[in-house]
Protein backbone atom coordinates (compact mmCIF):
# COMPACT_ATOMS: atom_id res chain seq x y z
CA MET A 1 0.00 0.00 0.00
CA LEU A 2 2.78 2.43 0.94
CA GLY A 3 4.65 1.53 -2.27
CA LEU A 4 1.50 2.22 -4.24
CA ILE A 5 1.06 5.55 -2.48
CA ARG A 6 4.68 6.37 -3.20
CA ARG A 7 4.29 5.45 -6.88
CA ARG A 8 1.11 7.48 -7.12
CA LEU A 9 2.81 10.49 -5.56
CA ALA A 10 5.81 10.06 -7.88
CA LEU A 11 3.45 9.78 -10.86
CA LYS A 12 1.59 12.89 -9.73
CA LEU A 13 4.81 14.86 -9.42
CA THR A 14 6.09 13.57 -12.76
CA ALA A 15 2.77 14.32 -14.44
CA ALA A 16 2.78 17.80 -12.92
CA TYR A 17 6.31 18.49 -14.17
CA LEU A 18 5.45 17.07 -17.62
CA ALA A 19 2.18 19.00 -17.88
CA ALA A 20 3.92 22.24 -16.96
CA LEU A 21 6.70 21.58 -19.46
CA CYS A 22 4.28 20.64 -22.25
CA ALA A 23 2.20 23.74 -21.62
CA VAL A 24 5.24 26.00 -21.71
CA THR A 25 6.76 24.25 -24.74
CA ALA A 26 3.45 24.27 -26.61
CA GLY A 27 2.98 27.95 -25.92
CA VAL A 28 6.52 28.77 -27.02
CA GLY A 29 6.12 26.57 -30.12
CA ILE A 30 2.90 28.26 -31.14
CA LEU A 31 4.43 31.69 -30.68
CA LEU A 32 7.53 30.62 -32.58
CA VAL A 33 5.52 29.16 -35.49
CA ARG A 34 3.45 32.30 -35.67
CA GLN A 35 6.51 34.49 -35.60
CA VAL A 36 8.16 32.42 -38.35
CA GLU A 37 4.97 32.54 -40.41
CA LYS A 38 4.62 36.29 -39.89
CA ARG A 39 8.25 36.94 -40.78
CA PHE A 40 7.97 34.80 -43.94
CA LEU A 41 4.75 36.52 -44.97
CA ASP A 42 6.34 39.91 -44.38
CA GLN A 43 9.28 38.93 -46.55
CA LEU A 44 6.95 37.47 -49.16
CA GLU A 45 4.86 40.63 -49.11
CA THR A 46 7.93 42.78 -49.61
CA SER A 47 9.10 40.61 -52.49
CA ILE A 48 5.71 40.50 -54.17
CA ALA A 49 5.17 44.22 -53.70
CA THR A 50 8.55 44.91 -55.30
CA HIS A 51 7.70 42.73 -58.28
CA ALA A 52 4.26 44.32 -58.51
CA ARG A 53 5.68 47.83 -58.55
CA LEU A 54 8.11 46.86 -61.27
CA MET A 55 5.29 45.38 -63.28
CA ALA A 56 3.13 48.44 -62.66
CA GLN A 57 5.85 50.72 -63.96
CA THR A 58 5.96 48.81 -67.25
CA LEU A 59 2.19 48.85 -67.68
CA PRO A 60 0.95 51.71 -69.92
CA ALA A 61 -2.00 53.65 -68.61
CA GLY A 62 -3.77 53.25 -71.92
CA LEU A 63 -4.03 49.47 -71.45
CA ILE A 64 -5.91 50.10 -68.23
CA ARG A 65 -8.42 52.38 -69.88
CA ALA A 66 -8.85 50.02 -72.81
CA ARG A 67 -11.15 47.40 -71.42
CA GLY A 68 -10.87 43.89 -72.76
CA SER A 69 -7.36 44.46 -74.03
CA ALA A 70 -5.72 41.23 -75.13
CA ALA A 71 -2.32 42.77 -74.49
CA LEU A 72 -3.22 43.40 -70.88
CA GLN A 73 -4.42 39.80 -70.46
CA LEU A 74 -1.19 38.55 -72.07
CA SER A 75 0.90 40.73 -69.76
CA ALA A 76 -0.94 39.35 -66.75
CA LYS A 77 -0.14 35.80 -67.81
CA ASN A 78 3.51 36.60 -68.43
CA TRP A 79 3.86 38.26 -65.08
CA ALA A 80 2.12 35.29 -63.41
CA GLU A 81 4.70 32.93 -64.90
CA GLN A 82 7.48 35.10 -63.56
CA VAL A 83 6.21 35.19 -60.01
CA GLU A 84 4.72 31.69 -60.14
CA GLY A 85 1.43 33.04 -58.97
CA ARG A 86 -1.74 34.70 -60.19
CA VAL A 87 -1.87 38.28 -61.45
CA THR A 88 -5.06 40.31 -61.60
CA VAL A 89 -5.55 43.88 -62.92
CA VAL A 90 -8.52 45.82 -61.55
CA ASP A 91 -9.64 49.35 -62.42
CA SER A 92 -10.44 51.93 -59.80
CA GLY A 93 -14.07 50.82 -59.79
CA GLY A 94 -13.21 47.20 -58.91
CA VAL A 95 -13.87 45.74 -62.37
CA VAL A 96 -11.46 42.97 -63.35
CA LEU A 97 -9.56 44.00 -66.49
CA ALA A 98 -7.19 41.03 -66.68
CA ASP A 99 -6.60 37.81 -64.73
CA SER A 100 -3.93 35.26 -65.45
CA GLY A 101 -6.01 32.51 -63.94
CA VAL A 102 -9.17 33.14 -65.99
CA PRO A 103 -9.70 33.04 -69.81
CA ALA A 104 -10.34 36.46 -71.34
CA ALA A 105 -13.83 35.41 -72.35
CA GLU A 106 -14.81 34.81 -68.72
CA LEU A 107 -13.52 38.12 -67.36
CA PRO A 108 -16.90 39.81 -67.63
CA LEU A 109 -18.36 37.06 -65.46
CA LEU A 110 -16.08 37.81 -62.51
CA GLU A 111 -17.54 39.69 -59.60
CA ASN A 112 -16.48 43.21 -58.72
CA HIS A 113 -13.32 43.24 -56.58
CA ARG A 114 -13.72 46.71 -55.08
CA GLY A 115 -14.87 45.24 -51.71
CA ARG A 116 -11.79 43.06 -51.27
CA PRO A 117 -9.67 44.24 -48.30
CA GLU A 118 -6.39 44.33 -50.20
CA ILE A 119 -8.09 46.32 -53.00
CA GLN A 120 -9.47 48.81 -50.50
CA THR A 121 -6.03 49.38 -49.06
CA ALA A 122 -4.46 49.81 -52.51
CA LEU A 123 -7.15 52.29 -53.59
CA ARG A 124 -6.12 54.44 -50.64
CA GLY A 125 -2.59 54.45 -52.02
CA GLY A 126 -1.04 51.77 -49.86
CA VAL A 127 0.02 48.17 -50.33
CA GLY A 128 -2.91 45.85 -49.65
CA ARG A 129 -2.44 42.45 -47.98
CA SER A 130 -4.87 39.64 -47.35
CA ILE A 131 -4.99 35.89 -46.86
CA ARG A 132 -8.13 33.97 -47.79
CA ARG A 133 -9.47 31.11 -49.82
CA SER A 134 -10.12 31.95 -53.42
CA ALA A 135 -13.53 30.96 -54.77
CA THR A 136 -12.13 30.95 -58.30
CA VAL A 137 -9.11 28.61 -57.86
CA ARG A 138 -10.44 26.99 -54.67
CA GLN A 139 -7.29 27.26 -52.56
CA LYS A 140 -5.84 29.46 -49.84
CA LEU A 141 -3.95 32.41 -51.36
CA PHE A 142 -1.83 35.30 -50.19
CA TYR A 143 -2.93 38.51 -51.91
CA VAL A 144 -0.71 41.61 -52.32
CA ALA A 145 -2.17 44.63 -54.15
CA VAL A 146 -0.34 47.83 -55.33
CA PRO A 147 -1.97 50.89 -56.80
CA LEU A 148 -1.53 51.84 -60.48
CA LYS A 149 -1.21 55.58 -60.65
CA GLU A 150 -1.35 58.22 -63.26
CA GLY A 151 0.23 61.16 -61.62
CA THR A 152 -1.20 61.18 -58.19
CA SER A 153 -4.47 59.49 -59.12
CA VAL A 154 -5.08 55.79 -58.66
CA ILE A 155 -6.45 54.48 -61.95
CA GLY A 156 -6.20 50.76 -61.16
CA ILE A 157 -4.90 48.00 -59.00
CA LEU A 158 -2.32 45.34 -59.72
CA ARG A 159 -2.84 42.33 -57.46
CA VAL A 160 -0.55 39.33 -57.16
CA ALA A 161 -1.83 36.14 -55.46
CA LEU A 162 0.47 33.35 -54.39
CA PRO A 163 -0.58 30.00 -52.88
CA LEU A 164 0.52 29.46 -49.23
CA THR A 165 1.88 25.98 -49.93
CA HIS A 166 5.45 27.07 -49.27
CA VAL A 167 4.41 28.92 -46.13
CA ASP A 168 2.52 25.87 -44.85
CA GLN A 169 5.48 23.65 -45.66
CA MET A 170 7.85 25.91 -43.81
CA THR A 171 5.61 26.26 -40.75
CA GLY A 172 5.00 22.49 -40.82
CA ALA A 173 8.74 21.86 -40.85
CA VAL A 174 9.18 24.24 -37.93
CA GLY A 175 6.31 22.50 -36.07
CA ARG A 176 7.79 19.07 -36.68
CA THR A 177 11.16 20.25 -35.46
CA LEU A 178 9.54 21.68 -32.35
CA ALA A 179 7.56 18.46 -31.83
CA ALA A 180 10.69 16.35 -32.10
CA GLY A 181 12.48 18.62 -29.66
CA LEU A 182 9.48 18.53 -27.35
CA ALA A 183 9.42 14.71 -27.47
CA ILE A 184 13.11 14.52 -26.58
CA LEU A 185 12.57 17.08 -23.85
CA VAL A 186 9.56 15.19 -22.49
CA ILE A 187 11.55 11.97 -22.25
CA GLY A 188 14.30 13.78 -20.42
CA VAL A 189 11.82 15.50 -18.15
CA ILE A 190 10.10 12.18 -17.39
CA LEU A 191 13.40 10.62 -16.35
CA LEU A 192 14.51 13.68 -14.39
CA SER A 193 11.12 14.21 -12.72
CA ALA A 194 10.94 10.51 -11.84
CA VAL A 195 14.32 10.75 -10.13
CA LEU A 196 13.33 13.94 -8.34
CA ALA A 197 9.91 12.51 -7.39
CA LEU A 198 11.48 9.37 -5.96
CA ARG A 199 13.98 11.47 -4.06
CA ILE A 200 11.14 13.51 -2.61
CA THR A 201 8.77 10.63 -1.94
CA ARG A 202 11.33 8.21 -0.43
CA PRO A 203 11.67 10.12 2.90
CA LEU A 204 7.93 10.80 2.86
CA THR A 205 7.31 7.09 2.43
CA ALA A 206 9.69 6.33 5.29
CA MET A 207 7.79 8.81 7.48
CA ALA A 208 4.48 7.21 6.47
CA ILE A 209 5.79 3.76 7.42
CA SER A 210 7.07 5.10 10.75
CA ALA A 211 3.76 6.84 11.43
CA ARG A 212 1.85 3.60 10.76
CA ARG A 213 4.13 1.63 13.09
CA ILE A 214 3.65 4.24 15.81
CA ALA A 215 -0.12 4.04 15.26
CA GLN A 216 0.14 0.25 15.71
CA GLY A 217 1.91 0.72 19.05
CA ASP A 218 5.61 0.54 18.09
CA LEU A 219 6.79 3.76 19.71
CA THR A 220 10.49 2.96 19.19
CA THR A 221 10.40 3.35 15.41
CA ARG A 222 12.11 6.39 13.86
CA THR A 223 12.32 7.72 10.32
CA PRO A 224 15.82 7.90 8.74
CA VAL A 225 17.15 11.41 7.96
CA MET A 226 19.73 11.32 5.15
CA THR A 227 19.61 14.85 3.70
CA GLN A 228 19.70 18.43 4.93
CA ASP A 229 16.74 19.87 3.04
CA GLU A 230 13.27 20.87 4.22
CA ILE A 231 12.02 17.27 4.06
CA ALA A 232 14.88 16.29 6.37
CA GLN A 233 13.72 18.99 8.78
CA VAL A 234 10.23 17.47 8.64
CA GLY A 235 11.76 14.05 9.39
CA GLN A 236 13.72 15.45 12.34
CA ALA A 237 10.56 17.11 13.68
CA PHE A 238 8.71 13.80 13.21
CA ASN A 239 11.36 11.90 15.19
CA ALA A 240 11.28 14.53 17.95
CA MET A 241 7.49 14.25 18.08
CA ALA A 242 7.75 10.44 18.25
CA GLU A 243 10.24 10.65 21.14
CA GLN A 244 8.01 13.06 23.05
CA LEU A 245 4.99 10.90 22.33
CA GLN A 246 6.82 7.81 23.57
CA ALA A 247 7.89 9.61 26.74
CA LYS A 248 4.38 10.90 27.40
CA ILE A 249 2.75 7.51 26.77
CA GLN A 250 5.30 5.80 29.03
CA GLU A 251 4.60 8.39 31.69
CA LEU A 252 0.85 7.92 31.30
CA GLU A 253 1.19 4.14 31.39
CA ALA A 254 3.32 4.34 34.52
CA SER A 255 0.78 6.64 36.16
CA ARG A 256 -2.06 4.39 35.05
CA SER A 257 -0.32 1.28 36.35
CA GLN A 258 0.38 3.02 39.64
CA ILE A 259 -3.23 4.17 39.98
CA GLU A 260 -4.54 0.72 39.04
CA GLY A 261 -2.17 -0.88 41.53
CA ILE A 262 -3.34 1.47 44.25
CA LEU A 263 -7.00 0.88 43.40
CA GLN A 264 -6.61 -2.89 43.26
CA SER A 265 -4.69 -3.00 46.57
CA MET A 266 -7.22 -0.85 48.41
CA MET A 267 -9.32 -2.55 51.01
CA GLU A 268 -12.13 -0.14 50.22
CA GLY A 269 -14.21 -0.62 47.13
CA VAL A 270 -13.96 2.08 44.45
CA LEU A 271 -16.74 2.52 41.91
CA VAL A 272 -17.08 5.22 39.22
CA VAL A 273 -20.41 5.74 37.46
CA GLY A 274 -20.94 7.98 34.43
CA PRO A 275 -23.75 10.50 33.95
CA ASP A 276 -25.80 7.83 32.17
CA GLY A 277 -25.57 5.48 35.15
CA ASN A 278 -23.14 3.09 33.46
CA VAL A 279 -20.15 1.73 35.37
CA ILE A 280 -16.83 3.20 34.19
CA LEU A 281 -14.40 1.74 36.73
CA VAL A 282 -14.57 -0.84 39.51
CA ASN A 283 -11.74 -2.33 41.58
CA GLU A 284 -11.46 -5.84 42.99
CA ALA A 285 -12.58 -4.79 46.46
CA ALA A 286 -15.79 -3.33 45.03
CA ARG A 287 -16.36 -6.52 43.03
CA GLU A 288 -16.06 -8.58 46.19
CA ILE A 289 -18.17 -6.24 48.30
CA LEU A 290 -20.97 -6.08 45.72
CA SER A 291 -20.57 -9.77 44.74
CA LEU A 292 -20.05 -8.87 41.07
CA GLY A 293 -17.76 -11.78 40.22
CA SER A 294 -15.28 -11.61 37.34
CA GLU A 295 -17.71 -10.71 34.57
CA ALA A 296 -17.11 -7.70 32.32
CA ILE A 297 -18.68 -4.73 34.06
CA PRO A 298 -17.68 -1.40 32.40
CA ALA A 299 -20.35 0.21 30.19
CA ARG A 300 -23.14 -1.71 31.98
CA PRO A 301 -25.78 0.11 34.04
CA LEU A 302 -25.18 -0.13 37.78
CA SER A 303 -28.91 -0.67 38.29
CA GLU A 304 -28.55 -4.04 36.51
CA LEU A 305 -25.62 -5.10 38.69
CA VAL A 306 -26.85 -3.93 42.10
CA ARG A 307 -30.58 -3.52 42.60
CA HIS A 308 -30.82 -1.21 45.58
CA PRO A 309 -33.06 1.91 45.50
CA ASP A 310 -31.01 3.75 48.15
CA LEU A 311 -27.86 3.31 46.09
CA GLN A 312 -29.56 4.66 42.97
CA ASP A 313 -30.92 7.59 44.97
CA LEU A 314 -27.42 8.32 46.29
CA ILE A 315 -25.99 8.45 42.76
CA ARG A 316 -28.85 10.65 41.58
CA ARG A 317 -28.26 13.13 44.40
CA VAL A 318 -24.53 13.33 43.66
CA LEU A 319 -25.09 13.92 39.94
CA GLU A 320 -27.78 16.54 40.58
CA THR A 321 -26.19 18.49 43.45
CA GLU A 322 -22.47 17.73 42.77
CA GLU A 323 -22.05 17.70 46.54
CA PRO A 324 -20.51 14.90 48.66
CA GLN A 325 -23.00 12.38 50.04
CA PHE A 326 -22.63 9.88 52.90
CA ARG A 327 -24.92 6.97 53.55
CA ASP A 328 -25.04 3.59 55.29
CA LEU A 329 -26.63 0.81 53.29
CA THR A 330 -27.38 -2.82 53.92
CA LEU A 331 -27.23 -5.37 51.10
CA TYR A 332 -29.16 -8.55 51.71
CA ALA A 333 -28.18 -10.65 48.67
CA PRO A 334 -26.30 -12.87 48.17
CA ALA A 335 -25.11 -12.27 51.75
CA GLU A 336 -25.94 -9.58 54.26
CA ARG A 337 -23.39 -6.77 54.14
CA HIS A 338 -23.34 -3.40 55.84
CA LEU A 339 -21.77 -0.63 53.77
CA ARG A 340 -20.77 2.94 54.48
CA ILE A 341 -20.60 4.82 51.19
CA HIS A 342 -18.83 8.12 50.56
CA ALA A 343 -19.91 9.50 47.17
CA THR A 344 -18.70 12.62 45.38
CA ALA A 345 -18.90 14.12 41.90
CA CYS A 346 -15.98 13.51 39.54
CA ARG A 347 -15.01 14.15 35.95
CA ALA A 348 -15.80 11.18 33.70
CA PRO A 349 -14.95 10.68 30.00
CA THR A 350 -18.59 11.26 29.05
CA GLY A 351 -19.24 14.15 31.43
CA ARG A 352 -19.86 14.60 35.14
CA GLY A 353 -19.88 11.27 36.99
CA ALA A 354 -20.04 9.92 40.54
CA LEU A 355 -17.12 8.41 42.49
CA MET A 356 -18.12 6.10 45.33
CA VAL A 357 -15.86 4.65 48.01
CA LEU A 358 -17.41 1.58 49.65
CA HIS A 359 -16.43 0.71 53.22
CA ASP A 360 -17.49 -2.75 54.35
CA ILE A 361 -18.50 -2.26 57.98
CA THR A 362 -20.08 -5.70 58.35
CA ASP A 363 -17.41 -6.80 60.83
CA LEU A 364 -17.77 -3.55 62.76
CA LYS A 365 -21.51 -4.07 62.94
CA ARG A 366 -21.01 -7.64 64.05
CA LEU A 367 -18.49 -6.59 66.70
CA GLU A 368 -20.83 -3.87 67.84
CA ASN A 369 -23.63 -6.39 68.15
CA LEU A 370 -21.30 -8.78 69.99
CA ARG A 371 -20.27 -6.04 72.39
CA ARG A 372 -23.88 -5.12 73.01
CA ASP A 373 -24.84 -8.75 73.47
CA PHE A 374 -21.80 -9.31 75.70
CA VAL A 375 -22.70 -6.41 77.96
CA ALA A 376 -26.29 -7.59 78.13
CA ASN A 377 -25.26 -11.18 78.80
CA VAL A 378 -22.68 -10.21 81.45
CA SER A 379 -25.24 -7.98 83.12
CA HIS A 380 -27.77 -10.79 83.07
CA GLU A 381 -25.33 -13.42 84.25
CA LEU A 382 -24.16 -11.20 87.10
CA LYS A 383 -27.61 -10.07 88.00
CA THR A 384 -29.02 -13.59 88.38
CA PRO A 385 -26.68 -14.78 91.20
CA LEU A 386 -26.63 -11.33 92.78
CA THR A 387 -30.42 -11.33 92.89
CA ALA A 388 -30.37 -14.77 94.53
CA ILE A 389 -27.73 -13.64 97.05
CA GLN A 390 -29.62 -10.44 97.78
CA GLY A 391 -32.86 -12.36 98.33
CA ALA A 392 -31.16 -14.85 100.66
CA VAL A 393 -29.47 -12.06 102.65
CA GLU A 394 -32.74 -10.16 103.02
CA THR A 395 -34.43 -13.34 104.24
CA LEU A 396 -31.69 -13.93 106.78
CA LEU A 397 -31.88 -10.35 107.95
CA ASP A 398 -35.62 -10.70 108.35
CA GLY A 399 -35.11 -13.40 110.98
CA ALA A 400 -34.12 -16.54 109.19
CA LEU A 401 -30.61 -16.12 110.56
CA LYS A 402 -31.90 -16.93 114.05
CA ASP A 403 -33.55 -20.10 112.78
CA PRO A 404 -30.79 -22.70 112.45
CA VAL A 405 -32.99 -25.11 110.55
CA HIS A 406 -34.31 -22.70 107.93
CA GLY A 407 -31.35 -20.34 107.86
CA ARG A 408 -28.75 -22.83 106.64
CA PRO A 409 -30.31 -23.37 103.15
CA PHE A 410 -30.09 -19.62 102.55
CA LEU A 411 -26.45 -19.61 103.56
CA GLU A 412 -25.82 -22.54 101.23
CA SER A 413 -27.59 -20.65 98.42
CA ILE A 414 -25.38 -17.64 99.08
CA ALA A 415 -22.28 -19.83 98.97
CA GLU A 416 -23.42 -21.52 95.73
CA GLU A 417 -24.25 -18.25 93.97
CA SER A 418 -20.99 -16.72 95.21
CA ALA A 419 -19.10 -19.67 93.73
CA ARG A 420 -21.03 -19.21 90.51
CA LEU A 421 -20.07 -15.54 90.47
CA GLY A 422 -16.46 -16.56 91.09
CA ARG A 423 -16.51 -19.00 88.18
CA LEU A 424 -18.08 -16.38 85.95
CA VAL A 425 -15.47 -13.79 86.89
CA ASP A 426 -12.66 -16.34 86.43
CA ASP A 427 -13.97 -17.34 83.01
CA LEU A 428 -14.33 -13.67 82.01
CA LEU A 429 -10.75 -12.96 83.08
CA THR A 430 -9.48 -16.03 81.30
CA LEU A 431 -11.39 -15.16 78.12
CA ALA A 432 -10.18 -11.55 78.22
CA GLN A 433 -6.56 -12.68 78.61
CA VAL A 434 -6.80 -15.21 75.78
CA GLU A 435 -8.61 -12.83 73.43
CA SER A 436 -6.21 -9.96 74.05
CA ARG A 437 -3.24 -12.20 73.16
CA GLN A 438 -1.33 -10.33 75.86
CA THR A 439 -0.75 -13.42 77.96
CA VAL A 440 2.55 -15.04 77.11
CA LEU A 441 2.11 -18.74 76.45
CA ARG A 442 4.38 -20.82 78.62
CA LYS A 443 4.86 -23.61 76.14
CA ARG A 444 6.57 -26.73 77.32
CA PRO A 445 6.74 -30.29 76.00
CA ILE A 446 3.72 -32.19 77.30
CA SER A 447 3.20 -35.95 77.20
CA ILE A 448 -0.14 -36.30 75.47
CA ASP A 449 -0.98 -39.66 77.09
CA SER A 450 -0.07 -38.51 80.62
CA PHE A 451 -1.90 -35.22 80.16
CA LEU A 452 -5.14 -36.83 78.98
CA GLN A 453 -5.03 -39.40 81.83
CA GLN A 454 -4.76 -36.59 84.40
CA GLU A 455 -7.67 -34.66 82.90
CA VAL A 456 -9.87 -37.76 82.71
CA GLU A 457 -9.11 -38.70 86.34
CA ARG A 458 -9.78 -35.13 87.44
CA HIS A 459 -13.28 -35.27 85.93
CA ARG A 460 -14.26 -38.74 87.13
CA PRO A 461 -16.03 -37.44 90.29
CA LEU A 462 -18.16 -35.17 88.13
CA ALA A 463 -18.85 -38.05 85.76
CA ARG A 464 -19.95 -40.30 88.64
CA THR A 465 -22.24 -37.55 89.89
CA HIS A 466 -23.96 -37.43 86.48
CA GLN A 467 -23.84 -41.23 86.04
CA VAL A 468 -21.59 -40.91 82.98
CA SER A 469 -18.65 -43.17 82.23
CA LEU A 470 -15.34 -41.69 81.07
CA VAL A 471 -13.28 -43.73 78.57
CA LEU A 472 -9.73 -42.83 77.50
CA GLU A 473 -8.55 -44.69 74.44
CA PRO A 474 -4.84 -45.49 74.53
CA VAL A 475 -2.51 -43.33 72.49
CA PRO A 476 -0.56 -45.42 69.91
CA SER A 477 2.67 -43.66 70.82
CA ASP A 478 3.56 -41.10 73.42
CA PRO A 479 4.66 -37.98 71.49
CA SER A 480 5.14 -34.63 73.16
CA LEU A 481 3.10 -31.54 72.46
CA ASP A 482 4.49 -27.99 72.88
CA ALA A 483 1.70 -26.13 74.67
CA ASP A 484 0.76 -24.06 77.70
CA ARG A 485 -0.37 -26.82 80.06
CA ASP A 486 -2.70 -24.63 82.14
CA GLN A 487 -4.56 -23.20 79.15
CA LEU A 488 -4.70 -26.58 77.41
CA ALA A 489 -6.03 -28.17 80.60
CA GLN A 490 -8.73 -25.50 80.82
CA ALA A 491 -9.75 -26.08 77.15
CA VAL A 492 -9.86 -29.88 77.44
CA GLY A 493 -11.52 -29.57 80.86
CA ASN A 494 -14.30 -27.40 79.38
CA LEU A 495 -14.91 -30.00 76.67
CA LEU A 496 -15.08 -32.77 79.27
CA ASP A 497 -17.42 -30.66 81.46
CA ASN A 498 -19.80 -30.15 78.55
CA GLY A 499 -19.63 -33.80 77.53
CA ILE A 500 -20.53 -34.88 81.09
CA LYS A 501 -23.10 -32.22 81.99
CA TYR A 502 -25.03 -32.40 78.69
CA ASN A 503 -25.05 -36.19 78.56
CA ARG A 504 -27.82 -38.57 79.46
CA PRO A 505 -27.77 -40.91 82.50
CA HIS A 506 -25.53 -43.91 81.93
CA GLY A 507 -24.06 -42.13 78.94
CA ARG A 508 -20.44 -42.17 77.91
CA VAL A 509 -17.68 -39.68 77.12
CA THR A 510 -14.78 -41.01 75.02
CA VAL A 511 -11.44 -39.24 74.84
CA ARG A 512 -8.74 -40.09 72.29
CA ALA A 513 -5.73 -38.50 70.61
CA VAL A 514 -5.05 -38.90 66.89
CA LEU A 515 -1.69 -37.98 65.36
CA ARG A 516 -1.92 -36.97 61.70
CA GLU A 517 0.18 -34.81 59.34
CA GLY A 518 2.14 -33.10 62.12
CA GLN A 519 -0.98 -32.37 64.15
CA CYS A 520 -2.41 -33.66 67.36
CA ARG A 521 -6.19 -34.08 67.32
CA ILE A 522 -7.72 -34.39 70.79
CA VAL A 523 -11.23 -35.79 70.30
CA VAL A 524 -13.94 -35.61 73.01
CA GLU A 525 -16.99 -37.59 71.95
CA ASP A 526 -20.15 -37.93 74.03
CA THR A 527 -23.47 -39.70 73.70
CA GLY A 528 -25.48 -36.74 75.00
CA ILE A 529 -28.42 -34.73 73.80
CA GLY A 530 -26.58 -33.27 70.78
CA ILE A 531 -26.76 -29.81 69.26
CA PRO A 532 -29.30 -28.70 66.61
CA ALA A 533 -27.76 -27.84 63.23
CA GLU A 534 -28.97 -24.25 63.37
CA ASP A 535 -27.08 -23.69 66.63
CA LEU A 536 -23.74 -25.16 65.55
CA PRO A 537 -22.37 -21.95 63.89
CA ARG A 538 -22.91 -19.98 67.15
CA ILE A 539 -21.89 -22.32 69.94
CA PHE A 540 -18.44 -20.74 70.23
CA GLU A 541 -19.90 -17.29 70.84
CA ARG A 542 -19.69 -15.90 74.37
CA PHE A 543 -22.76 -16.61 76.56
CA TYR A 544 -24.47 -18.50 73.77
CA ARG A 545 -26.43 -21.45 75.17
CA VAL A 546 -28.38 -24.03 73.24
CA ASP A 547 -30.49 -25.01 76.32
CA LYS A 548 -30.43 -21.99 78.64
CA ALA A 549 -32.46 -23.62 81.39
CA ARG A 550 -30.29 -26.72 81.60
CA SER A 551 -27.13 -24.62 81.35
CA ARG A 552 -28.09 -22.67 84.46
CA GLU A 553 -29.01 -25.85 86.26
CA THR A 554 -25.54 -27.25 85.57
CA GLY A 555 -23.89 -24.01 86.65
CA GLY A 556 -22.48 -23.16 83.25
CA THR A 557 -21.36 -19.63 82.45
CA GLY A 558 -21.74 -19.83 78.65
CA LEU A 559 -18.03 -19.00 78.16
CA GLY A 560 -16.49 -22.48 78.12
CA LEU A 561 -16.54 -23.15 74.36
CA SER A 562 -15.48 -19.58 73.58
CA ILE A 563 -12.43 -20.16 75.82
CA VAL A 564 -11.73 -23.45 73.99
CA LYS A 565 -11.80 -21.66 70.63
CA HIS A 566 -9.43 -18.89 71.70
CA VAL A 567 -7.02 -21.29 73.42
CA ALA A 568 -6.84 -23.34 70.19
CA GLU A 569 -6.23 -20.22 68.09
CA ALA A 570 -3.59 -18.96 70.54
CA HIS A 571 -1.69 -22.23 69.99
CA GLY A 572 -2.02 -21.92 66.18
CA GLY A 573 -4.79 -24.49 65.96
CA THR A 574 -8.53 -24.71 65.69
CA VAL A 575 -11.55 -26.55 67.04
CA GLN A 576 -14.21 -28.45 65.11
CA VAL A 577 -17.59 -29.80 66.11
CA GLU A 578 -19.92 -32.46 64.72
CA SER A 579 -23.27 -33.23 66.29
CA ARG A 580 -26.61 -34.90 65.75
CA PRO A 581 -29.52 -34.10 68.05
CA GLY A 582 -30.23 -37.04 70.33
CA GLN A 583 -27.11 -38.95 69.25
CA GLY A 584 -24.25 -37.00 70.76
CA THR A 585 -21.55 -34.46 69.96
CA THR A 586 -17.89 -34.74 68.95
CA PHE A 587 -15.43 -31.91 69.58
CA THR A 588 -11.98 -32.07 67.93
CA LEU A 589 -9.21 -29.84 69.24
CA ILE A 590 -6.54 -29.61 66.49
CA LEU A 591 -3.07 -28.42 67.59
CA PRO A 592 0.30 -28.45 65.83
CA LEU A 593 2.81 -30.83 67.36
CA GLY A 594 5.84 -28.56 66.86
């Protein structure tokens, strides 16, 4: 394509040069031919006029007055032979007296010549000249007429007519010579203009190729500069422009990459919407927050992606008022999320748009709810034993203290509720220490088999009280576990307490340790009442009880499983639970061996 363009441009330049040359040469040739023709006619006129004057001097005036004179006709023919032309004698009235080209008998039939231009000029005393086609001899003739005078009076006209064959031959020869010269000149001009056109178009073609490569993304291409003319200056300017363009594009790409990196690494979601409501930009955080997935989003209406009237109203307000807007929204699908949105007007490619920063405050809301529930639960858990203690104290003060029989149960109730308060406070302190991660774990190698035997023996009295048997399956080997013994004992003890207290009479609690893939799995399995499936996700929350009435009867604080969870996480492990209502529950405490 570029070669074709170059050839077309070269052809255009060559054609322009050739057209200009042909026009100039043709004009000069025409002028030259005319000048040659004029000069030849002038010379011919001078020669004919000289001959005519000589003939006029030898012509007696009497022959002119004697009409139809044979001598005059004979003289005209003789003179015609001498000049190799046609001689005509006309009187002052325009009547033809003699004509070498016409028989004497036909002279009366000739028309009057007084109106001929050369005759008119001769009658005024000058030399008449005219070129026209003769109706008599039917060819183009050159007429020269001289007056015949008698004294000062013009008594007749002697006219000599010569055919223009010689003139045409001469002008034709000149034209052919000019044509041959023009042909030679045209060939030379074609060759020269082709060389010049190629010299001009070659750097232009190189610049066109470089421009196309730059348009295709190759910003390193440059056009060669091999001369010092104006085209070379254009090439140098083109290269300078390409270098500046490359630098600017690299700068823009770096800025764009930096901005995209910042947007993609932001924890907050960023969403830009155009004036038509279509999404222009969205980062990964916004995709995750709004559950948009990985589908192509730009140029799609936000109302199709997120159907929330408050969000649409927020965008509308920003676009209308161009003032910052703040709003908390809750999305319910596909999962419940609480968002705090800061929206402001921004400049978009298609006009004024809206920039929204999405803050996911779901965790904050959940923590706020947990804090509120925790305060309420702590207040309730503290209030219940305090109310019982206060009631017992008031009863004793009212006189029951003096009654040894009836006063002792109130003192026992006070002691029991005080112990319950003590356990609650201890569990709260333990949970606070574990959650804060401020307590330094005193990890030491622990024999798993010995540790589990001690914990099982420590809980046998409680098991006998609830008519539950404790079974410890032997550990295949006796590896050591790096852990804080006190915290681990509290976690395993809480699991054993739950397994015993929430079991059925004559039930069983089985304890075993499984070593697998560098982990120690302490499994506590009971045959108790089980946990409903809907309660399983929440059993590790503080103060959460599946059976609140039975939990209070057994003296539970509702913090045991939460302590187990945090002790496991503090040791780099986790806790799992499996349960079926009416069939029992299995807790698995997973801890790394190392």
